[in-house]
N, C-alpha and C. Protein backbone atom coordinates (compact mmCIF):
# COMPACT_ATOMS: atom_id res chain seq x y z
N MET A 1 -6.57 -22.23 -27.12
CA MET A 1 -7.55 -22.44 -26.05
C MET A 1 -6.83 -22.68 -24.72
N ARG A 2 -5.77 -23.52 -24.78
CA ARG A 2 -5.03 -23.83 -23.57
C ARG A 2 -4.42 -22.57 -22.96
N SER A 3 -3.87 -21.69 -23.82
CA SER A 3 -3.25 -20.48 -23.30
C SER A 3 -4.29 -19.59 -22.63
N CYS A 4 -5.51 -19.56 -23.18
CA CYS A 4 -6.57 -18.76 -22.58
C CYS A 4 -6.94 -19.30 -21.21
N LEU A 5 -7.02 -20.66 -21.11
CA LEU A 5 -7.33 -21.27 -19.82
C LEU A 5 -6.26 -20.96 -18.80
N LEU A 6 -5.00 -21.05 -19.22
CA LEU A 6 -3.89 -20.76 -18.30
C LEU A 6 -3.98 -19.33 -17.79
N PHE A 7 -4.28 -18.41 -18.69
CA PHE A 7 -4.39 -17.00 -18.28
C PHE A 7 -5.52 -16.82 -17.28
N LEU A 8 -6.66 -17.43 -17.57
CA LEU A 8 -7.80 -17.28 -16.66
C LEU A 8 -7.54 -17.90 -15.31
N PHE A 9 -6.90 -19.07 -15.30
CA PHE A 9 -6.57 -19.71 -14.04
C PHE A 9 -5.58 -18.88 -13.26
N ALA A 10 -4.56 -18.33 -13.94
CA ALA A 10 -3.56 -17.52 -13.26
C ALA A 10 -4.18 -16.27 -12.69
N ALA A 11 -5.04 -15.63 -13.46
CA ALA A 11 -5.68 -14.41 -12.99
C ALA A 11 -6.52 -14.68 -11.76
N SER A 12 -7.26 -15.81 -11.77
CA SER A 12 -8.08 -16.13 -10.62
C SER A 12 -7.24 -16.48 -9.42
N ALA A 13 -6.02 -16.98 -9.64
CA ALA A 13 -5.15 -17.36 -8.53
C ALA A 13 -4.74 -16.14 -7.72
N PHE A 14 -4.52 -15.03 -8.37
CA PHE A 14 -4.09 -13.82 -7.66
C PHE A 14 -5.27 -12.92 -7.30
N GLY A 15 -6.36 -13.00 -8.05
CA GLY A 15 -7.59 -12.31 -7.69
C GLY A 15 -7.49 -10.80 -7.82
N SER A 16 -8.64 -10.14 -7.59
CA SER A 16 -8.67 -8.68 -7.69
C SER A 16 -9.35 -8.06 -6.48
N THR A 17 -9.69 -8.88 -5.46
CA THR A 17 -10.33 -8.36 -4.27
C THR A 17 -9.28 -7.89 -3.27
N LEU A 18 -9.47 -6.70 -2.73
CA LEU A 18 -8.51 -6.15 -1.79
C LEU A 18 -8.80 -6.68 -0.39
N THR A 19 -7.78 -7.22 0.25
CA THR A 19 -7.87 -7.69 1.63
C THR A 19 -7.12 -6.73 2.53
N PRO A 20 -7.80 -6.02 3.43
CA PRO A 20 -7.12 -5.07 4.32
C PRO A 20 -6.19 -5.79 5.30
N ILE A 21 -5.12 -5.10 5.66
CA ILE A 21 -4.16 -5.59 6.66
C ILE A 21 -4.06 -4.51 7.73
N ALA A 22 -4.48 -4.80 8.95
CA ALA A 22 -4.64 -3.77 9.98
C ALA A 22 -3.38 -3.50 10.79
N GLN A 23 -2.47 -4.48 10.87
CA GLN A 23 -1.27 -4.31 11.68
C GLN A 23 -0.07 -4.90 10.95
N PRO A 24 1.13 -4.40 11.22
CA PRO A 24 2.34 -4.93 10.57
C PRO A 24 2.78 -6.24 11.21
N THR A 25 2.05 -7.30 10.92
CA THR A 25 2.36 -8.62 11.48
C THR A 25 3.63 -9.18 10.86
N THR A 26 4.11 -10.26 11.44
CA THR A 26 5.31 -10.91 10.90
C THR A 26 5.09 -11.35 9.46
N GLY A 27 3.90 -11.87 9.16
CA GLY A 27 3.61 -12.30 7.80
C GLY A 27 3.63 -11.15 6.82
N TYR A 28 3.05 -10.02 7.21
CA TYR A 28 3.04 -8.83 6.35
C TYR A 28 4.46 -8.33 6.12
N LEU A 29 5.26 -8.25 7.17
CA LEU A 29 6.62 -7.74 7.04
C LEU A 29 7.49 -8.66 6.17
N SER A 30 7.31 -9.97 6.33
CA SER A 30 8.16 -10.90 5.59
C SER A 30 7.76 -11.01 4.12
N SER A 31 6.53 -10.66 3.78
CA SER A 31 6.06 -10.80 2.40
C SER A 31 6.14 -9.50 1.61
N THR A 32 6.63 -8.43 2.23
CA THR A 32 6.72 -7.14 1.56
C THR A 32 8.14 -6.59 1.63
N THR A 33 8.40 -5.61 0.79
CA THR A 33 9.69 -4.92 0.76
C THR A 33 9.51 -3.51 1.29
N LEU A 34 10.36 -3.10 2.21
CA LEU A 34 10.31 -1.74 2.75
C LEU A 34 10.95 -0.77 1.76
N LEU A 35 10.19 0.24 1.37
CA LEU A 35 10.72 1.30 0.51
C LEU A 35 11.17 2.43 1.44
N ALA A 36 12.43 2.40 1.79
CA ALA A 36 12.94 3.30 2.82
C ALA A 36 12.98 4.75 2.34
N ILE A 37 12.76 5.66 3.28
CA ILE A 37 12.90 7.10 3.03
C ILE A 37 14.35 7.45 3.36
N THR A 38 15.16 7.65 2.34
CA THR A 38 16.60 7.79 2.55
C THR A 38 17.08 9.25 2.53
N ALA A 39 16.24 10.17 2.06
CA ALA A 39 16.65 11.58 2.02
C ALA A 39 16.81 12.12 3.44
N PRO A 40 17.75 13.03 3.67
CA PRO A 40 17.97 13.57 5.02
C PRO A 40 16.77 14.34 5.54
N GLU A 41 16.63 14.37 6.85
CA GLU A 41 15.57 15.16 7.49
C GLU A 41 15.69 16.62 7.03
N GLY A 42 14.57 17.21 6.70
CA GLY A 42 14.55 18.58 6.20
C GLY A 42 14.52 18.67 4.69
N SER A 43 14.71 17.54 4.01
CA SER A 43 14.66 17.53 2.55
C SER A 43 13.22 17.66 2.07
N ILE A 44 13.06 18.03 0.80
CA ILE A 44 11.75 18.08 0.14
C ILE A 44 11.83 17.19 -1.08
N VAL A 45 10.92 16.21 -1.19
CA VAL A 45 10.99 15.22 -2.27
C VAL A 45 9.66 15.14 -3.00
N GLY A 46 9.75 14.76 -4.27
CA GLY A 46 8.55 14.55 -5.08
C GLY A 46 8.27 13.09 -5.36
N SER A 47 9.18 12.22 -4.89
CA SER A 47 9.03 10.78 -5.07
C SER A 47 10.04 10.07 -4.19
N ILE A 48 9.86 8.78 -4.00
CA ILE A 48 10.86 7.95 -3.35
C ILE A 48 11.03 6.69 -4.19
N SER A 49 12.23 6.12 -4.15
CA SER A 49 12.52 4.97 -5.00
C SER A 49 13.60 4.10 -4.35
N ASP A 50 13.52 2.80 -4.64
CA ASP A 50 14.59 1.89 -4.20
C ASP A 50 15.32 1.29 -5.39
N GLY A 51 15.09 1.84 -6.58
CA GLY A 51 15.71 1.32 -7.78
C GLY A 51 14.86 0.28 -8.50
N PHE A 52 13.87 -0.26 -7.81
CA PHE A 52 12.94 -1.21 -8.42
C PHE A 52 11.56 -0.58 -8.56
N LEU A 53 11.09 0.04 -7.48
CA LEU A 53 9.80 0.72 -7.47
C LEU A 53 10.00 2.19 -7.19
N THR A 54 9.30 3.03 -7.94
CA THR A 54 9.26 4.46 -7.67
C THR A 54 7.83 4.84 -7.33
N VAL A 55 7.67 5.53 -6.20
CA VAL A 55 6.37 6.06 -5.79
C VAL A 55 6.41 7.57 -5.95
N SER A 56 5.59 8.08 -6.85
CA SER A 56 5.50 9.52 -7.08
C SER A 56 4.30 10.08 -6.32
N PHE A 57 4.38 11.37 -5.95
CA PHE A 57 3.33 12.00 -5.16
C PHE A 57 2.55 12.98 -6.01
N GLN A 58 1.23 12.89 -5.92
CA GLN A 58 0.35 13.81 -6.63
C GLN A 58 -0.75 14.30 -5.70
N SER A 59 -1.15 15.55 -5.89
CA SER A 59 -2.27 16.12 -5.14
C SER A 59 -3.09 16.97 -6.10
N GLY A 60 -4.38 16.71 -6.16
CA GLY A 60 -5.23 17.45 -7.08
C GLY A 60 -4.88 17.22 -8.53
N GLY A 61 -4.30 16.05 -8.84
CA GLY A 61 -3.94 15.72 -10.21
C GLY A 61 -2.60 16.27 -10.67
N SER A 62 -1.90 16.99 -9.80
CA SER A 62 -0.59 17.55 -10.14
C SER A 62 0.50 17.00 -9.23
N SER A 63 1.72 17.08 -9.67
CA SER A 63 2.84 16.63 -8.85
C SER A 63 2.87 17.39 -7.53
N ALA A 64 3.21 16.68 -6.47
CA ALA A 64 3.22 17.28 -5.14
C ALA A 64 4.56 17.00 -4.45
N LEU A 65 4.85 17.81 -3.46
CA LEU A 65 6.09 17.68 -2.71
C LEU A 65 5.80 17.26 -1.28
N MET A 66 6.75 16.51 -0.72
CA MET A 66 6.63 16.05 0.66
C MET A 66 7.90 16.43 1.42
N ASP A 67 7.72 16.82 2.68
CA ASP A 67 8.85 17.14 3.55
C ASP A 67 9.29 15.89 4.30
N VAL A 68 10.59 15.70 4.41
CA VAL A 68 11.13 14.59 5.17
C VAL A 68 11.30 15.03 6.62
N ASP A 69 10.54 14.41 7.51
CA ASP A 69 10.58 14.72 8.93
C ASP A 69 10.96 13.47 9.71
N ALA A 70 11.25 13.66 10.98
CA ALA A 70 11.59 12.54 11.85
C ALA A 70 10.86 12.69 13.17
N VAL A 71 10.40 11.57 13.70
CA VAL A 71 9.71 11.56 14.99
C VAL A 71 10.76 11.27 16.09
N PRO A 72 10.80 12.05 17.17
CA PRO A 72 9.85 13.10 17.57
C PRO A 72 10.37 14.52 17.32
N ASP A 73 11.32 14.69 16.41
CA ASP A 73 11.95 16.01 16.21
C ASP A 73 11.07 16.94 15.39
N SER A 74 10.99 16.70 14.10
CA SER A 74 10.22 17.60 13.23
C SER A 74 8.78 17.13 13.02
N TRP A 75 8.43 15.94 13.47
CA TRP A 75 7.04 15.47 13.56
C TRP A 75 6.89 14.89 14.95
N SER A 76 5.95 15.39 15.73
CA SER A 76 6.01 15.19 17.18
C SER A 76 5.68 13.78 17.66
N THR A 77 4.69 13.12 17.08
CA THR A 77 4.28 11.81 17.61
C THR A 77 4.08 10.80 16.50
N TRP A 78 3.93 9.56 16.92
CA TRP A 78 3.58 8.49 15.98
C TRP A 78 2.83 7.42 16.78
N GLY A 79 2.51 6.33 16.13
CA GLY A 79 1.92 5.20 16.83
C GLY A 79 3.02 4.35 17.44
N ALA A 80 2.67 3.17 17.88
CA ALA A 80 3.64 2.27 18.48
C ALA A 80 3.23 0.83 18.18
N PRO A 81 4.20 -0.09 18.20
CA PRO A 81 3.86 -1.49 18.00
C PRO A 81 2.83 -1.95 19.04
N PRO A 82 1.87 -2.82 18.68
CA PRO A 82 1.80 -3.57 17.42
C PRO A 82 1.06 -2.86 16.29
N ASP A 83 0.61 -1.61 16.51
CA ASP A 83 -0.13 -0.90 15.46
C ASP A 83 0.79 -0.36 14.37
N THR A 84 2.03 -0.07 14.72
CA THR A 84 3.00 0.42 13.76
C THR A 84 4.32 -0.34 13.93
N GLU A 85 5.20 -0.20 12.96
CA GLU A 85 6.49 -0.89 13.05
C GLU A 85 7.40 -0.27 14.10
N SER A 86 7.33 1.04 14.25
CA SER A 86 8.21 1.76 15.16
C SER A 86 7.49 2.99 15.68
N ALA A 87 7.91 3.47 16.85
CA ALA A 87 7.34 4.70 17.40
C ALA A 87 8.13 5.93 16.97
N THR A 88 9.25 5.74 16.29
CA THR A 88 10.10 6.88 15.90
C THR A 88 10.58 6.76 14.46
N PRO A 89 9.67 6.68 13.49
CA PRO A 89 10.10 6.53 12.10
C PRO A 89 10.48 7.87 11.45
N VAL A 90 11.12 7.77 10.30
CA VAL A 90 11.22 8.91 9.38
C VAL A 90 9.90 8.97 8.63
N VAL A 91 9.34 10.17 8.47
CA VAL A 91 8.02 10.30 7.85
C VAL A 91 8.07 11.33 6.73
N LEU A 92 7.04 11.29 5.90
CA LEU A 92 6.84 12.30 4.85
C LEU A 92 5.59 13.08 5.18
N ALA A 93 5.71 14.40 5.29
CA ALA A 93 4.59 15.28 5.59
C ALA A 93 4.34 16.21 4.40
N PHE A 94 3.11 16.69 4.26
CA PHE A 94 2.77 17.56 3.14
C PHE A 94 3.61 18.84 3.20
N ASP A 95 4.22 19.18 2.06
CA ASP A 95 4.89 20.48 1.99
C ASP A 95 3.87 21.60 1.99
N ASP A 96 2.68 21.33 1.43
CA ASP A 96 1.56 22.28 1.46
C ASP A 96 0.61 21.86 2.58
N PRO A 97 0.62 22.52 3.73
CA PRO A 97 -0.19 22.08 4.86
C PRO A 97 -1.69 22.25 4.66
N THR A 98 -2.09 22.94 3.57
CA THR A 98 -3.52 23.09 3.29
C THR A 98 -4.07 21.89 2.52
N ALA A 99 -3.20 21.04 2.02
CA ALA A 99 -3.65 19.86 1.27
C ALA A 99 -4.18 18.80 2.24
N THR A 100 -5.17 18.06 1.82
CA THR A 100 -5.75 17.02 2.68
C THR A 100 -5.80 15.65 2.00
N ALA A 101 -5.25 15.55 0.81
CA ALA A 101 -5.27 14.28 0.09
C ALA A 101 -3.96 14.12 -0.69
N MET A 102 -3.54 12.88 -0.83
CA MET A 102 -2.31 12.59 -1.56
C MET A 102 -2.48 11.29 -2.32
N SER A 103 -2.03 11.28 -3.58
CA SER A 103 -2.02 10.07 -4.39
C SER A 103 -0.61 9.51 -4.43
N PHE A 104 -0.47 8.23 -4.12
CA PHE A 104 0.79 7.53 -4.26
C PHE A 104 0.72 6.75 -5.57
N VAL A 105 1.50 7.18 -6.55
CA VAL A 105 1.43 6.62 -7.90
C VAL A 105 2.65 5.74 -8.13
N PHE A 106 2.43 4.49 -8.55
CA PHE A 106 3.50 3.51 -8.70
C PHE A 106 3.88 3.37 -10.17
N ASP A 107 5.16 3.14 -10.43
CA ASP A 107 5.60 2.96 -11.81
C ASP A 107 5.53 1.51 -12.26
N ARG A 108 5.00 0.64 -11.42
CA ARG A 108 4.71 -0.74 -11.78
C ARG A 108 3.53 -1.22 -10.94
N GLN A 109 2.85 -2.24 -11.41
CA GLN A 109 1.70 -2.74 -10.68
C GLN A 109 2.12 -3.52 -9.44
N LEU A 110 1.32 -3.40 -8.39
CA LEU A 110 1.59 -4.08 -7.13
C LEU A 110 0.41 -4.96 -6.76
N ILE A 111 0.68 -5.95 -5.88
CA ILE A 111 -0.41 -6.75 -5.32
C ILE A 111 -0.53 -6.53 -3.81
N THR A 112 0.43 -5.85 -3.20
CA THR A 112 0.32 -5.44 -1.80
C THR A 112 0.97 -4.07 -1.65
N PHE A 113 0.30 -3.19 -0.93
CA PHE A 113 0.89 -1.90 -0.60
C PHE A 113 0.36 -1.47 0.75
N GLY A 114 1.29 -0.97 1.58
CA GLY A 114 0.90 -0.47 2.88
C GLY A 114 1.69 0.76 3.26
N VAL A 115 1.06 1.64 4.04
CA VAL A 115 1.71 2.85 4.52
C VAL A 115 1.06 3.24 5.85
N GLU A 116 1.86 3.70 6.79
CA GLU A 116 1.33 4.17 8.07
C GLU A 116 0.98 5.66 7.94
N ILE A 117 -0.15 6.04 8.55
CA ILE A 117 -0.68 7.40 8.41
C ILE A 117 -1.00 7.98 9.78
N GLU A 118 -0.63 9.26 9.98
CA GLU A 118 -1.06 9.98 11.18
C GLU A 118 -1.46 11.40 10.81
N PRO A 119 -2.68 11.83 11.18
CA PRO A 119 -3.12 13.21 10.91
C PRO A 119 -2.30 14.23 11.71
N ASP A 120 -2.29 15.45 11.21
CA ASP A 120 -1.53 16.54 11.82
C ASP A 120 -2.38 17.23 12.89
N ASP A 121 -2.63 16.52 13.98
CA ASP A 121 -3.47 17.05 15.05
C ASP A 121 -3.11 16.32 16.34
N THR A 122 -2.43 17.01 17.25
CA THR A 122 -2.00 16.37 18.49
C THR A 122 -2.96 16.62 19.65
N SER A 123 -4.15 17.16 19.37
CA SER A 123 -5.14 17.38 20.42
C SER A 123 -5.66 16.03 20.92
N PRO A 124 -5.61 15.77 22.22
CA PRO A 124 -6.07 14.47 22.75
C PRO A 124 -7.54 14.23 22.44
N GLY A 125 -7.86 13.02 22.05
CA GLY A 125 -9.24 12.63 21.83
C GLY A 125 -9.78 12.90 20.45
N ASN A 126 -9.08 13.68 19.63
CA ASN A 126 -9.56 13.97 18.28
C ASN A 126 -9.27 12.80 17.35
N LEU A 127 -10.30 12.35 16.65
CA LEU A 127 -10.15 11.30 15.65
C LEU A 127 -10.50 11.85 14.28
N HIS A 128 -9.78 11.39 13.27
CA HIS A 128 -10.00 11.85 11.91
C HIS A 128 -10.19 10.64 11.00
N ASP A 129 -11.21 10.70 10.16
CA ASP A 129 -11.47 9.62 9.21
C ASP A 129 -10.47 9.71 8.06
N VAL A 130 -9.78 8.61 7.82
CA VAL A 130 -8.79 8.53 6.74
C VAL A 130 -9.22 7.39 5.81
N THR A 131 -9.19 7.66 4.52
CA THR A 131 -9.59 6.67 3.53
C THR A 131 -8.46 6.44 2.54
N ALA A 132 -8.13 5.18 2.32
CA ALA A 132 -7.15 4.78 1.30
C ALA A 132 -7.90 4.03 0.21
N THR A 133 -7.82 4.53 -1.03
CA THR A 133 -8.53 3.94 -2.15
C THR A 133 -7.53 3.41 -3.17
N TYR A 134 -7.65 2.13 -3.49
CA TYR A 134 -6.71 1.44 -4.38
C TYR A 134 -7.30 1.38 -5.79
N TRP A 135 -6.48 1.74 -6.79
CA TRP A 135 -6.94 1.82 -8.17
C TRP A 135 -6.00 1.08 -9.12
N LEU A 136 -6.57 0.52 -10.16
CA LEU A 136 -5.83 0.07 -11.33
C LEU A 136 -6.34 0.89 -12.50
N GLY A 137 -5.59 1.92 -12.89
CA GLY A 137 -6.09 2.87 -13.87
C GLY A 137 -7.33 3.55 -13.30
N SER A 138 -8.45 3.43 -14.01
CA SER A 138 -9.72 4.01 -13.54
C SER A 138 -10.62 2.98 -12.86
N THR A 139 -10.09 1.78 -12.64
CA THR A 139 -10.88 0.71 -12.03
C THR A 139 -10.63 0.66 -10.53
N LEU A 140 -11.70 0.74 -9.75
CA LEU A 140 -11.59 0.67 -8.31
C LEU A 140 -11.30 -0.76 -7.88
N VAL A 141 -10.25 -0.94 -7.08
CA VAL A 141 -9.88 -2.25 -6.56
C VAL A 141 -10.42 -2.46 -5.16
N GLY A 142 -10.36 -1.42 -4.32
CA GLY A 142 -10.86 -1.55 -2.96
C GLY A 142 -10.59 -0.30 -2.14
N THR A 143 -11.23 -0.22 -0.99
CA THR A 143 -11.12 0.95 -0.13
C THR A 143 -10.93 0.52 1.33
N ILE A 144 -10.09 1.27 2.05
CA ILE A 144 -9.88 1.04 3.48
C ILE A 144 -10.19 2.32 4.22
N ASP A 145 -11.08 2.25 5.20
CA ASP A 145 -11.45 3.41 6.02
C ASP A 145 -11.09 3.13 7.48
N ARG A 146 -10.37 4.09 8.10
CA ARG A 146 -10.05 3.96 9.52
C ARG A 146 -10.11 5.34 10.18
N SER A 147 -10.46 5.36 11.46
CA SER A 147 -10.44 6.59 12.24
C SER A 147 -9.11 6.64 13.00
N VAL A 148 -8.39 7.76 12.85
CA VAL A 148 -7.01 7.83 13.34
C VAL A 148 -6.81 9.06 14.21
N SER A 149 -6.12 8.90 15.32
CA SER A 149 -5.75 10.01 16.18
C SER A 149 -4.39 10.56 15.75
N GLY A 150 -4.26 11.89 15.79
CA GLY A 150 -2.97 12.51 15.49
C GLY A 150 -2.07 12.61 16.71
N ASN A 151 -2.57 12.19 17.85
CA ASN A 151 -1.81 12.27 19.09
C ASN A 151 -1.24 10.90 19.44
N GLY A 152 -0.22 10.50 18.69
CA GLY A 152 0.41 9.20 18.90
C GLY A 152 -0.44 8.03 18.44
N GLY A 153 -1.27 8.25 17.43
CA GLY A 153 -2.22 7.21 17.02
C GLY A 153 -2.06 6.71 15.61
N ALA A 154 -0.89 6.85 15.00
CA ALA A 154 -0.69 6.40 13.62
C ALA A 154 -1.13 4.95 13.45
N LEU A 155 -1.74 4.66 12.30
CA LEU A 155 -2.20 3.31 11.99
C LEU A 155 -1.75 2.90 10.59
N LEU A 156 -1.75 1.60 10.38
CA LEU A 156 -1.36 1.04 9.09
C LEU A 156 -2.56 0.99 8.15
N PHE A 157 -2.35 1.46 6.92
CA PHE A 157 -3.31 1.30 5.83
C PHE A 157 -2.64 0.42 4.79
N ALA A 158 -3.02 -0.85 4.78
CA ALA A 158 -2.38 -1.79 3.86
C ALA A 158 -3.43 -2.71 3.27
N GLY A 159 -3.22 -3.08 2.01
CA GLY A 159 -4.14 -3.98 1.34
C GLY A 159 -3.39 -4.90 0.42
N SER A 160 -3.91 -6.11 0.27
CA SER A 160 -3.31 -7.11 -0.60
C SER A 160 -4.38 -7.68 -1.51
N GLY A 161 -4.02 -7.97 -2.74
CA GLY A 161 -4.96 -8.51 -3.72
C GLY A 161 -4.58 -8.00 -5.09
N GLY A 162 -5.21 -6.88 -5.46
CA GLY A 162 -4.79 -6.18 -6.67
C GLY A 162 -5.03 -6.98 -7.94
N PRO A 163 -4.26 -6.62 -8.98
CA PRO A 163 -3.20 -5.61 -8.96
C PRO A 163 -3.75 -4.18 -8.95
N PHE A 164 -2.86 -3.24 -8.58
CA PHE A 164 -3.22 -1.83 -8.59
C PHE A 164 -1.97 -1.01 -8.87
N ASP A 165 -2.17 0.25 -9.32
CA ASP A 165 -1.03 1.10 -9.66
C ASP A 165 -1.11 2.48 -9.01
N ARG A 166 -2.09 2.68 -8.12
CA ARG A 166 -2.21 3.96 -7.43
C ARG A 166 -3.03 3.77 -6.16
N VAL A 167 -2.64 4.51 -5.12
CA VAL A 167 -3.44 4.54 -3.90
C VAL A 167 -3.66 5.99 -3.52
N ASP A 168 -4.93 6.38 -3.39
CA ASP A 168 -5.30 7.73 -2.97
C ASP A 168 -5.61 7.70 -1.48
N VAL A 169 -4.97 8.59 -0.71
CA VAL A 169 -5.23 8.69 0.72
C VAL A 169 -5.80 10.08 1.00
N ALA A 170 -6.95 10.12 1.67
CA ALA A 170 -7.62 11.39 1.93
C ALA A 170 -8.11 11.46 3.37
N SER A 171 -8.06 12.67 3.93
CA SER A 171 -8.58 12.93 5.27
C SER A 171 -9.18 14.32 5.29
N ASP A 172 -9.46 14.85 6.49
CA ASP A 172 -10.01 16.20 6.58
C ASP A 172 -8.93 17.23 6.90
N LEU A 173 -7.69 16.78 7.02
CA LEU A 173 -6.56 17.69 7.20
C LEU A 173 -5.29 16.98 6.75
N ASP A 174 -4.17 17.70 6.75
CA ASP A 174 -2.95 17.11 6.27
C ASP A 174 -2.47 16.00 7.21
N PHE A 175 -1.58 15.16 6.71
CA PHE A 175 -1.12 14.01 7.50
C PHE A 175 0.30 13.65 7.08
N ALA A 176 0.91 12.79 7.87
CA ALA A 176 2.25 12.28 7.55
C ALA A 176 2.15 10.79 7.22
N SER A 177 3.11 10.32 6.44
CA SER A 177 3.13 8.93 5.99
C SER A 177 4.49 8.31 6.30
N ALA A 178 4.49 7.03 6.62
CA ALA A 178 5.76 6.35 6.92
C ALA A 178 5.64 4.87 6.60
N GLN A 179 6.79 4.21 6.56
CA GLN A 179 6.88 2.76 6.39
C GLN A 179 6.12 2.28 5.15
N PHE A 180 6.56 2.77 3.99
CA PHE A 180 6.00 2.34 2.72
C PHE A 180 6.47 0.91 2.43
N ARG A 181 5.53 -0.01 2.26
CA ARG A 181 5.87 -1.40 1.97
C ARG A 181 5.08 -1.89 0.77
N TYR A 182 5.67 -2.80 0.00
CA TYR A 182 5.01 -3.26 -1.22
C TYR A 182 5.41 -4.69 -1.58
N THR A 183 4.56 -5.30 -2.40
CA THR A 183 4.86 -6.55 -3.10
C THR A 183 4.48 -6.34 -4.55
N PRO A 184 5.40 -6.54 -5.49
CA PRO A 184 5.07 -6.31 -6.90
C PRO A 184 4.21 -7.44 -7.46
N THR A 185 3.53 -7.14 -8.56
CA THR A 185 2.82 -8.18 -9.30
C THR A 185 3.84 -9.19 -9.81
N PRO A 186 3.58 -10.48 -9.64
CA PRO A 186 4.53 -11.50 -10.10
C PRO A 186 4.84 -11.37 -11.58
N GLU A 187 6.04 -11.78 -11.94
CA GLU A 187 6.43 -11.76 -13.35
C GLU A 187 5.54 -12.72 -14.13
N PRO A 188 5.43 -12.52 -15.46
CA PRO A 188 4.57 -13.39 -16.28
C PRO A 188 4.84 -14.87 -16.08
N ALA A 189 6.09 -15.25 -15.87
CA ALA A 189 6.42 -16.66 -15.69
C ALA A 189 5.70 -17.23 -14.48
N ALA A 190 5.56 -16.42 -13.44
CA ALA A 190 4.88 -16.89 -12.23
C ALA A 190 3.39 -17.12 -12.53
N PHE A 191 2.79 -16.24 -13.33
CA PHE A 191 1.40 -16.42 -13.71
C PHE A 191 1.21 -17.72 -14.49
N TRP A 192 2.12 -17.97 -15.44
CA TRP A 192 2.01 -19.19 -16.24
C TRP A 192 2.18 -20.41 -15.35
N LEU A 193 3.10 -20.37 -14.40
CA LEU A 193 3.32 -21.49 -13.50
C LEU A 193 2.08 -21.75 -12.66
N ALA A 194 1.50 -20.67 -12.12
CA ALA A 194 0.29 -20.84 -11.31
C ALA A 194 -0.84 -21.40 -12.16
N GLY A 195 -0.99 -20.87 -13.38
CA GLY A 195 -2.04 -21.35 -14.26
C GLY A 195 -1.86 -22.80 -14.63
N ALA A 196 -0.60 -23.20 -14.92
CA ALA A 196 -0.33 -24.58 -15.28
C ALA A 196 -0.64 -25.51 -14.12
N GLY A 197 -0.30 -25.08 -12.90
CA GLY A 197 -0.58 -25.90 -11.73
C GLY A 197 -2.06 -26.09 -11.51
N LEU A 198 -2.82 -25.01 -11.64
CA LEU A 198 -4.27 -25.12 -11.47
C LEU A 198 -4.91 -25.96 -12.57
N LEU A 199 -4.38 -25.83 -13.79
CA LEU A 199 -4.92 -26.62 -14.89
C LEU A 199 -4.65 -28.10 -14.66
N ALA A 200 -3.48 -28.43 -14.12
CA ALA A 200 -3.16 -29.83 -13.83
C ALA A 200 -4.10 -30.39 -12.77
N ILE A 201 -4.40 -29.59 -11.75
CA ILE A 201 -5.34 -30.03 -10.71
C ILE A 201 -6.72 -30.27 -11.31
N PHE A 202 -7.14 -29.34 -12.18
CA PHE A 202 -8.45 -29.47 -12.83
C PHE A 202 -8.52 -30.74 -13.66
N ARG A 203 -7.46 -31.03 -14.44
CA ARG A 203 -7.45 -32.23 -15.27
C ARG A 203 -7.46 -33.49 -14.43
N ARG A 204 -6.72 -33.46 -13.29
CA ARG A 204 -6.67 -34.64 -12.43
C ARG A 204 -8.06 -34.92 -11.84
N LYS A 205 -8.73 -33.86 -11.37
CA LYS A 205 -10.06 -34.04 -10.81
C LYS A 205 -11.03 -34.55 -11.87
N ARG A 206 -10.91 -34.05 -13.10
CA ARG A 206 -11.81 -34.49 -14.16
C ARG A 206 -11.56 -35.96 -14.51
N SER A 207 -10.26 -36.36 -14.47
CA SER A 207 -9.92 -37.74 -14.76
C SER A 207 -10.47 -38.68 -13.69
N ILE A 208 -10.35 -38.26 -12.43
CA ILE A 208 -10.87 -39.08 -11.32
C ILE A 208 -12.38 -39.20 -11.44
N ALA A 209 -13.04 -38.10 -11.78
CA ALA A 209 -14.50 -38.10 -11.90
C ALA A 209 -14.95 -39.06 -13.00
N ARG A 210 -14.19 -39.13 -14.08
CA ARG A 210 -14.57 -40.01 -15.18
C ARG A 210 -14.43 -41.48 -14.75
N ARG A 211 -13.40 -41.80 -13.97
CA ARG A 211 -13.17 -43.19 -13.56
C ARG A 211 -14.21 -43.66 -12.55
N THR A 212 -14.77 -42.67 -11.82
CA THR A 212 -15.77 -43.05 -10.82
C THR A 212 -17.19 -42.93 -11.39
């Protein structure tokens, strides 16, 4: 019974509601790990990895490829702080320019994931609706919708809560992605610690209530 209570308390401590993060604030940057794009400009990749997390790319349910570009050379514009981390990042663009959606599939569960997105449209004044949908298997965790300009208007799509193991990003045309950041789901020991702490608080409150 005690182990069940600990599990339930730990699960509630981390929750499953997605909280959107609109800008790369100091708190967001300090609580996440940057998954750097290390392949040279002009490369074509099917995934990126830092040795701990691997993010694979899928489109239409099949493996997809991404081109490694750099702003402002092979990708012309980006956003700028405080909306983005940098105005000149290395980005990943669709190798198939007719594709309009990309799934970022993780090889481990996360509780925070963020990526900057800019549509492939430098016409001034054009806005494109971009949706990021967070999933744990077939269970919907949450959705983030933002209107984004392709003319120097990249924005952050980030959410915390989870856990989740995939994020689907869709728009009405192809787009580039940059500044992949994540926080993994805590190890089991962390869950037990959180659960034990909450159980201790619950017992203390119950003891005080009995004395009063």
